[in-house]
Protein backbone atom coordinates (compact mmCIF):
# COMPACT_ATOMS: atom_id res chain seq x y z
CA ASP A 1 94.15 -82.90 -163.86
CA GLU A 2 91.73 -84.27 -161.29
CA ILE A 3 88.75 -83.13 -163.38
CA HIS A 4 90.21 -84.93 -166.40
CA ARG A 5 90.70 -88.06 -164.31
CA MET A 6 87.09 -87.90 -163.03
CA ALA A 7 85.87 -87.50 -166.60
CA GLY A 8 87.82 -90.57 -167.68
CA PHE A 9 90.15 -88.64 -169.99
CA THR A 10 93.64 -89.95 -170.39
CA GLU A 11 94.63 -86.94 -172.48
CA VAL A 12 93.42 -83.34 -172.79
CA TYR A 13 91.91 -83.57 -176.28
CA VAL A 14 89.36 -86.36 -176.61
CA PRO A 15 86.58 -86.58 -179.22
CA LEU A 16 83.28 -85.61 -177.57
CA TRP A 17 81.34 -88.51 -179.07
CA MET A 18 83.63 -90.95 -177.26
CA TRP A 19 82.83 -89.56 -173.84
CA ASP A 20 80.03 -90.37 -171.33
CA ALA A 21 78.85 -86.94 -170.11
CA LYS A 22 76.05 -88.32 -167.88
CA ASP A 23 78.42 -90.47 -165.87
CA PHE A 24 80.86 -87.58 -165.52
CA LEU A 25 78.14 -85.15 -164.34
CA ARG A 26 76.87 -87.72 -161.83
CA THR A 27 80.40 -88.16 -160.48
CA LEU A 28 80.87 -84.41 -160.10
CA ARG A 29 77.47 -83.81 -158.50
CA ASP A 30 78.19 -86.56 -155.95
CA ASP A 31 81.49 -84.92 -154.99
CA LEU A 32 81.07 -82.82 -151.81
CA ARG A 33 83.62 -80.30 -153.05
CA VAL A 34 81.39 -79.32 -155.97
CA ALA A 35 78.44 -76.95 -155.48
CA GLU A 36 77.30 -76.60 -159.09
CA VAL A 37 78.18 -77.96 -162.53
CA ARG A 38 77.15 -76.52 -165.89
CA MET A 39 78.15 -77.63 -169.36
CA GLU A 40 78.12 -75.70 -172.62
CA TYR A 41 78.60 -77.33 -175.98
CA ASP A 42 80.16 -75.34 -178.78
CA TRP A 43 79.37 -78.00 -181.35
CA PRO A 44 81.15 -79.73 -182.97
CA SER A 45 84.54 -79.11 -181.42
CA SER A 46 84.30 -77.76 -177.86
CA LEU A 47 82.79 -78.52 -174.52
CA ILE A 48 83.06 -75.98 -171.70
CA ILE A 49 82.49 -77.24 -168.17
CA HIS A 50 81.79 -74.68 -165.42
CA ILE A 51 82.38 -75.98 -161.90
CA ARG A 52 81.61 -73.91 -158.81
CA GLU A 53 83.46 -75.12 -155.76
CA ARG A 54 81.56 -75.59 -152.49
CA ARG A 55 83.05 -73.24 -149.87
CA ALA A 56 83.10 -73.59 -146.10
CA VAL A 57 81.03 -70.95 -144.32
CA ALA A 58 81.34 -72.17 -140.72
CA TYR A 59 82.52 -74.90 -138.39
CA LEU A 60 80.24 -76.68 -135.93
CA SER A 61 81.14 -78.95 -133.01
CA SER A 62 79.93 -82.56 -133.07
CA ARG A 63 80.62 -85.91 -131.43
CA ASN A 64 83.02 -86.80 -134.24
CA GLY A 65 84.95 -83.51 -134.16
CA PHE A 66 84.40 -80.24 -135.99
CA LEU A 67 82.05 -80.18 -138.96
CA ASN A 68 82.95 -78.04 -141.94
CA LEU A 69 79.61 -76.60 -143.19
CA ASP A 70 78.67 -75.02 -146.50
CA SER A 71 76.03 -72.29 -146.90
CA SER A 72 73.13 -74.75 -146.94
CA GLY A 73 74.21 -76.69 -143.84
CA ILE A 74 75.73 -79.65 -145.66
CA VAL A 75 78.70 -81.21 -143.88
CA MET A 76 81.68 -81.07 -146.24
CA SER A 77 84.21 -82.72 -143.95
CA VAL A 78 84.95 -83.59 -140.33
CA SER A 79 88.16 -82.51 -138.52
CA HIS A 80 89.39 -83.62 -135.12
CA SER A 81 90.95 -80.21 -134.43
CA LEU A 82 90.83 -76.69 -135.79
CA LYS A 83 94.49 -75.97 -136.50
CA LYS A 84 93.72 -73.39 -139.17
CA MET A 85 90.29 -71.79 -138.88
CA GLU A 86 89.14 -70.61 -142.29
CA ALA A 87 85.61 -69.81 -141.12
CA PRO A 88 83.84 -68.84 -137.88
CA LEU A 89 82.84 -71.48 -135.33
CA ILE A 90 79.12 -71.77 -134.54
CA THR A 91 78.75 -72.55 -130.83
CA GLY A 92 75.69 -73.24 -128.69
CA TYR A 93 74.59 -76.28 -130.68
CA GLN A 94 76.16 -79.71 -130.45
CA ALA A 95 75.55 -81.90 -133.47
CA GLY A 96 75.25 -85.60 -132.76
CA ARG A 97 76.86 -88.25 -134.89
CA VAL A 98 76.98 -86.53 -138.28
CA PHE A 99 78.97 -87.52 -141.34
CA PRO A 100 80.07 -85.77 -144.56
CA GLY A 101 77.22 -85.28 -146.98
CA GLN A 102 74.57 -84.99 -144.29
CA ARG A 103 72.65 -81.77 -143.65
CA ILE A 104 72.34 -80.11 -140.23
CA ASP A 105 68.63 -79.64 -139.48
CA ASP A 106 68.50 -76.92 -136.83
CA ALA A 107 66.76 -73.55 -137.18
CA GLY A 108 69.42 -71.73 -135.13
CA VAL A 109 72.25 -73.11 -137.24
CA TYR A 110 70.38 -72.20 -140.45
CA ALA A 111 69.83 -68.64 -139.18
CA ALA A 112 73.52 -68.31 -138.29
CA LEU A 113 74.52 -69.62 -141.73
CA ASP A 114 72.09 -67.18 -143.38
CA TYR A 115 73.77 -64.34 -141.48
CA LEU A 116 77.27 -65.53 -142.42
CA VAL A 117 76.39 -66.02 -146.09
CA ALA A 118 75.06 -62.45 -146.28
CA LEU A 119 78.46 -61.10 -145.20
CA ASP A 120 81.21 -60.45 -147.72
CA GLY A 121 84.34 -62.59 -147.44
CA GLU A 122 86.44 -59.84 -145.90
CA THR A 123 83.97 -59.27 -143.07
CA ARG A 124 83.42 -63.01 -142.52
CA ASP A 125 87.20 -63.42 -142.10
CA LYS A 126 87.05 -60.96 -139.18
CA LEU A 127 84.66 -63.21 -137.23
CA SER A 128 85.77 -66.04 -134.98
CA GLU A 129 82.55 -67.28 -133.34
CA VAL A 130 78.76 -67.14 -133.63
CA ASN A 131 77.12 -68.23 -130.36
CA ILE A 132 73.49 -69.19 -130.93
CA SER A 133 72.70 -70.40 -127.38
CA VAL A 134 72.50 -67.04 -125.64
CA PRO A 135 68.96 -66.56 -124.24
CA THR A 136 68.76 -63.00 -125.61
CA GLY A 137 69.78 -64.07 -129.12
CA ALA A 138 72.96 -64.72 -131.07
CA VAL A 139 76.28 -63.12 -130.15
CA VAL A 140 79.15 -62.86 -132.63
CA THR A 141 82.78 -62.44 -131.57
CA THR A 142 85.39 -60.96 -133.90
CA VAL A 143 89.06 -61.92 -134.02
CA ASN A 144 89.72 -58.56 -132.26
CA ASN A 145 87.39 -59.61 -129.41
CA ILE A 146 84.56 -57.23 -130.29
CA LYS A 147 81.20 -58.69 -129.23
CA ILE A 148 78.31 -58.15 -131.65
CA GLN A 149 74.91 -58.77 -130.07
CA LEU A 150 72.59 -59.76 -132.87
CA GLY A 151 69.62 -60.66 -130.71
CA PRO A 152 67.08 -62.93 -132.37
CA LEU A 153 68.27 -63.89 -135.84
CA GLU A 154 65.33 -62.38 -137.67
CA ARG A 155 66.39 -59.86 -140.30
CA ALA A 156 69.73 -61.70 -140.52
CA ARG A 157 70.65 -60.15 -143.89
CA ASN A 158 69.98 -56.63 -142.62
CA LYS A 159 72.09 -57.32 -139.52
CA ALA A 160 74.85 -58.69 -141.76
CA ARG A 161 74.83 -55.49 -143.83
CA LEU A 162 75.03 -53.39 -140.63
CA THR A 163 77.86 -55.60 -139.34
CA GLN A 164 79.86 -55.00 -142.54
CA VAL A 165 79.37 -51.24 -142.49
CA ILE A 166 80.16 -50.86 -138.79
CA LEU A 167 83.25 -53.11 -138.84
CA GLN A 168 84.60 -51.27 -141.89
CA GLU A 169 84.10 -47.93 -140.15
CA ILE A 170 85.72 -49.19 -136.94
CA GLY A 171 88.74 -50.31 -138.97
CA ALA A 172 88.95 -47.10 -141.00
CA LYS A 173 88.72 -44.84 -137.95
CA ALA A 174 90.78 -47.12 -135.65
CA MET A 175 88.11 -47.01 -132.95
CA THR A 176 88.42 -49.13 -129.82
CA VAL A 177 84.99 -50.72 -129.59
CA ASP A 178 84.05 -53.32 -127.00
CA LEU A 179 80.46 -54.09 -128.04
CA ILE A 180 78.14 -53.57 -131.00
CA ASP A 181 74.45 -54.04 -130.23
CA LEU A 182 72.36 -54.83 -133.31
CA ALA A 183 69.49 -56.41 -131.37
CA HIS A 184 67.49 -53.19 -131.62
CA GLU A 185 66.41 -51.09 -134.57
CA THR A 186 69.25 -48.58 -134.09
CA PRO A 187 72.80 -49.95 -133.62
CA VAL A 188 74.55 -49.08 -130.34
CA LEU A 189 78.33 -49.08 -129.89
CA ARG A 190 80.10 -49.34 -126.52
CA PHE A 191 83.68 -48.11 -126.58
CA ARG A 192 86.54 -49.54 -124.53
CA ARG A 193 87.79 -47.44 -121.69
CA PRO A 194 91.46 -46.46 -121.90
């Protein structure tokens, strides 16, 4: 219904020649909730509009509250509290006065977002924090309080793949792991003492 309203339709079936597609596409592309818009004409009777929704990848602290970031660092919204965390919180960087629609320009934040984007949704949901201020590199904390030392965020996609595989194996084998060290070429696991 909201898409129809944005397009200026008062009813579902409207003749295509009576509709301003350019204005509609501009409206959609300016909407922060929309990542991509594609249109396909099946002339003369159909128009198919594909809309990909912009998804939150992480939260980031700022002067105004918590910034909801997409995969490219664009601020989607600002919240004063995190009642329901739907994405991990990036810590170790304090954004200044930033508003929705602006992009965060920090190499550490970009590297953390690159790592998070490379994870599948199931693995990303297991993470609660990505700390990028640690002198030895980034440290990720899971919701089960497992620390993952990433080290410098080079090879972020490779480290994301290793994170997925290791966390899946930990879950499947019900291991009690305290720390996963991915800062080196070979991953190291430290188990919790009983």
